[in-house]
Amino acid sequence: MNVTFATSSHEVGGPSRRAGAATSAPIVVGDGSWIGAGAVILPGVNIGAGAIIAAGAVVAKDVKAHSLYAGVPARKIRSLSTAEVPAV
């Protein structure tokens, strides 16, 4: 819910116009990942398989597989188990 995938940005311009030339980069989300409400994913980020992004996190760098990331900017909180959990 309310997740932002920002695939474009701009370079820093000179003093008369700080918004310089436009840039873009794809975002890749691995299988089985979970992205919490209100998270923002910035251009060029790769989210590894099975990762969790906490609600409200701002992800500016790649996320390792099977890891929990949270915060602004997002940082790794802990590794997650790769064992399958039985369905309820």
N, C-alpha and C. Protein backbone atom coordinates (compact mmCIF):
# COMPACT_ATOMS: atom_id res chain seq x y z
N MET A 1 0.84 -1.17 0.00
CA MET A 1 0.00 0.00 0.00
C MET A 1 0.89 1.25 0.00
N ASN A 2 0.63 2.14 -0.90
CA ASN A 2 1.32 3.43 -1.00
C ASN A 2 2.84 3.32 -1.10
N VAL A 3 3.32 2.31 -1.83
CA VAL A 3 4.76 2.16 -2.05
C VAL A 3 5.14 2.97 -3.29
N THR A 4 6.29 3.65 -3.24
CA THR A 4 6.77 4.44 -4.37
C THR A 4 7.99 3.77 -4.98
N PHE A 5 7.92 3.49 -6.29
CA PHE A 5 9.05 3.00 -7.06
C PHE A 5 9.51 4.17 -7.91
N ALA A 6 10.56 4.86 -7.49
CA ALA A 6 11.04 6.05 -8.19
C ALA A 6 12.16 5.63 -9.13
N THR A 7 11.86 5.47 -10.40
CA THR A 7 12.86 5.00 -11.37
C THR A 7 13.60 6.14 -12.06
N SER A 8 13.27 7.37 -11.71
CA SER A 8 13.98 8.50 -12.32
C SER A 8 14.36 9.51 -11.25
N SER A 9 15.37 10.31 -11.58
CA SER A 9 15.86 11.34 -10.68
C SER A 9 16.54 12.40 -11.55
N HIS A 10 17.51 13.11 -10.98
CA HIS A 10 18.28 14.07 -11.77
C HIS A 10 19.64 14.27 -11.13
N GLU A 11 20.57 14.70 -11.92
CA GLU A 11 21.90 15.03 -11.41
C GLU A 11 21.83 16.36 -10.68
N VAL A 12 22.82 16.64 -9.85
CA VAL A 12 22.89 17.93 -9.17
C VAL A 12 23.43 18.95 -10.17
N GLY A 13 22.68 20.03 -10.35
CA GLY A 13 23.08 21.06 -11.28
C GLY A 13 23.88 22.17 -10.61
N GLY A 14 24.16 23.19 -11.37
CA GLY A 14 24.92 24.35 -10.88
C GLY A 14 24.10 25.22 -9.95
N PRO A 15 24.69 26.31 -9.48
CA PRO A 15 24.02 27.17 -8.49
C PRO A 15 22.76 27.86 -8.99
N SER A 16 22.63 28.06 -10.29
CA SER A 16 21.43 28.73 -10.80
C SER A 16 20.27 27.76 -11.02
N ARG A 17 20.58 26.45 -11.07
CA ARG A 17 19.52 25.44 -11.25
C ARG A 17 20.04 24.10 -10.73
N ARG A 18 19.66 23.77 -9.51
CA ARG A 18 20.18 22.57 -8.85
C ARG A 18 19.64 21.27 -9.45
N ALA A 19 18.47 21.31 -10.06
CA ALA A 19 17.93 20.11 -10.72
C ALA A 19 18.56 20.02 -12.10
N GLY A 20 19.61 19.21 -12.21
CA GLY A 20 20.34 19.05 -13.46
C GLY A 20 19.68 18.06 -14.40
N ALA A 21 20.49 17.45 -15.24
CA ALA A 21 20.01 16.51 -16.26
C ALA A 21 19.28 15.33 -15.63
N ALA A 22 18.20 14.90 -16.30
CA ALA A 22 17.41 13.77 -15.84
C ALA A 22 18.20 12.47 -15.96
N THR A 23 17.99 11.57 -15.00
CA THR A 23 18.61 10.25 -15.03
C THR A 23 17.52 9.22 -14.74
N SER A 24 17.77 7.97 -15.10
CA SER A 24 16.82 6.90 -14.76
C SER A 24 17.59 5.60 -14.61
N ALA A 25 17.02 4.69 -13.84
CA ALA A 25 17.60 3.37 -13.63
C ALA A 25 16.49 2.43 -13.18
N PRO A 26 16.51 1.19 -13.64
CA PRO A 26 15.45 0.25 -13.26
C PRO A 26 15.57 -0.19 -11.80
N ILE A 27 14.48 -0.68 -11.27
CA ILE A 27 14.42 -1.27 -9.93
C ILE A 27 14.09 -2.74 -10.14
N VAL A 28 14.80 -3.63 -9.45
CA VAL A 28 14.55 -5.06 -9.56
C VAL A 28 14.14 -5.58 -8.18
N VAL A 29 13.00 -6.30 -8.14
CA VAL A 29 12.50 -6.87 -6.89
C VAL A 29 12.53 -8.38 -7.01
N GLY A 30 13.29 -9.04 -6.14
CA GLY A 30 13.43 -10.49 -6.17
C GLY A 30 12.16 -11.22 -5.74
N ASP A 31 12.06 -12.46 -6.17
CA ASP A 31 10.91 -13.30 -5.84
C ASP A 31 10.73 -13.42 -4.33
N GLY A 32 9.49 -13.40 -3.90
CA GLY A 32 9.16 -13.61 -2.50
C GLY A 32 9.44 -12.46 -1.57
N SER A 33 9.81 -11.31 -2.10
CA SER A 33 10.08 -10.14 -1.27
C SER A 33 8.78 -9.54 -0.75
N TRP A 34 8.88 -8.79 0.34
CA TRP A 34 7.73 -8.13 0.94
C TRP A 34 8.13 -6.68 1.18
N ILE A 35 7.38 -5.76 0.59
CA ILE A 35 7.67 -4.33 0.74
C ILE A 35 6.54 -3.70 1.55
N GLY A 36 6.88 -3.15 2.71
CA GLY A 36 5.90 -2.59 3.62
C GLY A 36 5.28 -1.29 3.12
N ALA A 37 4.14 -0.96 3.68
CA ALA A 37 3.38 0.23 3.31
C ALA A 37 4.22 1.49 3.43
N GLY A 38 4.10 2.36 2.43
CA GLY A 38 4.74 3.66 2.46
C GLY A 38 6.23 3.66 2.19
N ALA A 39 6.79 2.51 1.83
CA ALA A 39 8.22 2.46 1.52
C ALA A 39 8.50 3.20 0.21
N VAL A 40 9.72 3.72 0.08
CA VAL A 40 10.16 4.39 -1.13
C VAL A 40 11.40 3.67 -1.63
N ILE A 41 11.37 3.21 -2.89
CA ILE A 41 12.49 2.51 -3.50
C ILE A 41 13.06 3.44 -4.56
N LEU A 42 14.34 3.80 -4.44
CA LEU A 42 14.97 4.77 -5.34
C LEU A 42 15.59 4.10 -6.57
N PRO A 43 15.90 4.88 -7.60
CA PRO A 43 16.39 4.32 -8.87
C PRO A 43 17.63 3.43 -8.71
N GLY A 44 17.63 2.34 -9.49
CA GLY A 44 18.80 1.48 -9.56
C GLY A 44 18.93 0.46 -8.45
N VAL A 45 17.97 0.40 -7.53
CA VAL A 45 18.04 -0.52 -6.40
C VAL A 45 17.64 -1.93 -6.83
N ASN A 46 18.39 -2.92 -6.34
CA ASN A 46 18.04 -4.33 -6.50
C ASN A 46 17.68 -4.88 -5.13
N ILE A 47 16.48 -5.45 -5.02
CA ILE A 47 16.02 -6.04 -3.77
C ILE A 47 16.13 -7.55 -3.94
N GLY A 48 16.94 -8.18 -3.10
CA GLY A 48 17.18 -9.61 -3.20
C GLY A 48 15.95 -10.43 -2.87
N ALA A 49 15.95 -11.67 -3.35
CA ALA A 49 14.85 -12.60 -3.12
C ALA A 49 14.60 -12.79 -1.63
N GLY A 50 13.33 -12.83 -1.25
CA GLY A 50 12.96 -13.10 0.13
C GLY A 50 13.26 -12.01 1.12
N ALA A 51 13.59 -10.82 0.64
CA ALA A 51 13.89 -9.70 1.55
C ALA A 51 12.60 -9.06 2.05
N ILE A 52 12.69 -8.39 3.18
CA ILE A 52 11.58 -7.61 3.72
C ILE A 52 12.04 -6.16 3.86
N ILE A 53 11.24 -5.24 3.33
CA ILE A 53 11.46 -3.80 3.49
C ILE A 53 10.39 -3.31 4.45
N ALA A 54 10.79 -2.74 5.57
CA ALA A 54 9.84 -2.27 6.58
C ALA A 54 9.02 -1.09 6.08
N ALA A 55 7.84 -0.93 6.66
CA ALA A 55 6.97 0.20 6.34
C ALA A 55 7.71 1.51 6.54
N GLY A 56 7.59 2.41 5.57
CA GLY A 56 8.18 3.74 5.68
C GLY A 56 9.66 3.83 5.36
N ALA A 57 10.30 2.72 5.02
CA ALA A 57 11.74 2.73 4.73
C ALA A 57 12.00 3.46 3.41
N VAL A 58 13.17 4.08 3.30
CA VAL A 58 13.63 4.68 2.05
C VAL A 58 14.87 3.91 1.62
N VAL A 59 14.74 3.15 0.53
CA VAL A 59 15.80 2.25 0.08
C VAL A 59 16.60 2.93 -1.04
N ALA A 60 17.86 3.26 -0.73
CA ALA A 60 18.72 3.95 -1.69
C ALA A 60 19.85 3.07 -2.20
N LYS A 61 20.06 1.91 -1.56
CA LYS A 61 21.14 0.99 -1.95
C LYS A 61 20.58 -0.41 -2.05
N ASP A 62 21.32 -1.29 -2.73
CA ASP A 62 20.87 -2.67 -2.91
C ASP A 62 20.60 -3.35 -1.57
N VAL A 63 19.63 -4.28 -1.61
CA VAL A 63 19.19 -5.03 -0.44
C VAL A 63 19.58 -6.50 -0.64
N LYS A 64 20.22 -7.07 0.36
CA LYS A 64 20.64 -8.47 0.29
C LYS A 64 19.43 -9.40 0.43
N ALA A 65 19.50 -10.55 -0.24
CA ALA A 65 18.44 -11.55 -0.16
C ALA A 65 18.26 -12.01 1.28
N HIS A 66 17.02 -12.35 1.62
CA HIS A 66 16.67 -12.93 2.92
C HIS A 66 17.18 -12.08 4.08
N SER A 67 16.91 -10.78 3.98
CA SER A 67 17.32 -9.83 5.01
C SER A 67 16.20 -8.84 5.26
N LEU A 68 16.16 -8.29 6.47
CA LEU A 68 15.18 -7.28 6.85
C LEU A 68 15.87 -5.93 6.86
N TYR A 69 15.30 -4.95 6.13
CA TYR A 69 15.82 -3.59 6.07
C TYR A 69 14.76 -2.62 6.57
N ALA A 70 15.19 -1.59 7.31
CA ALA A 70 14.27 -0.58 7.83
C ALA A 70 15.01 0.73 8.00
N GLY A 71 14.24 1.83 8.06
CA GLY A 71 14.80 3.13 8.38
C GLY A 71 14.93 4.06 7.20
N VAL A 72 15.41 5.27 7.51
CA VAL A 72 15.62 6.32 6.50
C VAL A 72 17.01 6.89 6.72
N PRO A 73 17.96 6.54 5.89
CA PRO A 73 17.87 5.57 4.80
C PRO A 73 17.81 4.15 5.36
N ALA A 74 17.29 3.24 4.55
CA ALA A 74 17.16 1.85 4.98
C ALA A 74 18.52 1.23 5.25
N ARG A 75 18.59 0.44 6.32
CA ARG A 75 19.81 -0.31 6.62
C ARG A 75 19.40 -1.71 7.06
N LYS A 76 20.35 -2.63 6.94
CA LYS A 76 20.05 -4.02 7.30
C LYS A 76 19.89 -4.15 8.81
N ILE A 77 18.76 -4.72 9.22
CA ILE A 77 18.47 -4.95 10.63
C ILE A 77 18.93 -6.35 11.04
N ARG A 78 18.62 -7.34 10.19
CA ARG A 78 19.05 -8.71 10.48
C ARG A 78 18.85 -9.60 9.27
N SER A 79 19.47 -10.76 9.31
CA SER A 79 19.26 -11.78 8.29
C SER A 79 18.00 -12.56 8.65
N LEU A 80 17.35 -13.12 7.63
CA LEU A 80 16.13 -13.90 7.81
C LEU A 80 16.40 -15.36 7.48
N SER A 81 15.64 -16.24 8.10
CA SER A 81 15.77 -17.67 7.86
C SER A 81 15.40 -17.99 6.41
N THR A 82 16.04 -19.00 5.87
CA THR A 82 15.68 -19.47 4.53
C THR A 82 14.88 -20.77 4.59
N ALA A 83 14.56 -21.23 5.81
CA ALA A 83 13.75 -22.44 5.97
C ALA A 83 12.29 -22.13 5.65
N GLU A 84 11.64 -23.05 4.98
CA GLU A 84 10.23 -22.86 4.65
C GLU A 84 9.37 -22.96 5.90
N VAL A 85 8.36 -22.10 5.99
CA VAL A 85 7.42 -22.10 7.09
C VAL A 85 6.15 -22.81 6.61
N PRO A 86 5.63 -23.79 7.37
CA PRO A 86 4.42 -24.50 6.94
C PRO A 86 3.23 -23.53 6.80
N ALA A 87 2.42 -23.77 5.78
CA ALA A 87 1.21 -22.95 5.58
C ALA A 87 0.23 -23.20 6.71
N VAL A 88 -0.50 -22.15 7.10
CA VAL A 88 -1.48 -22.25 8.18
C VAL A 88 -2.83 -22.53 7.62
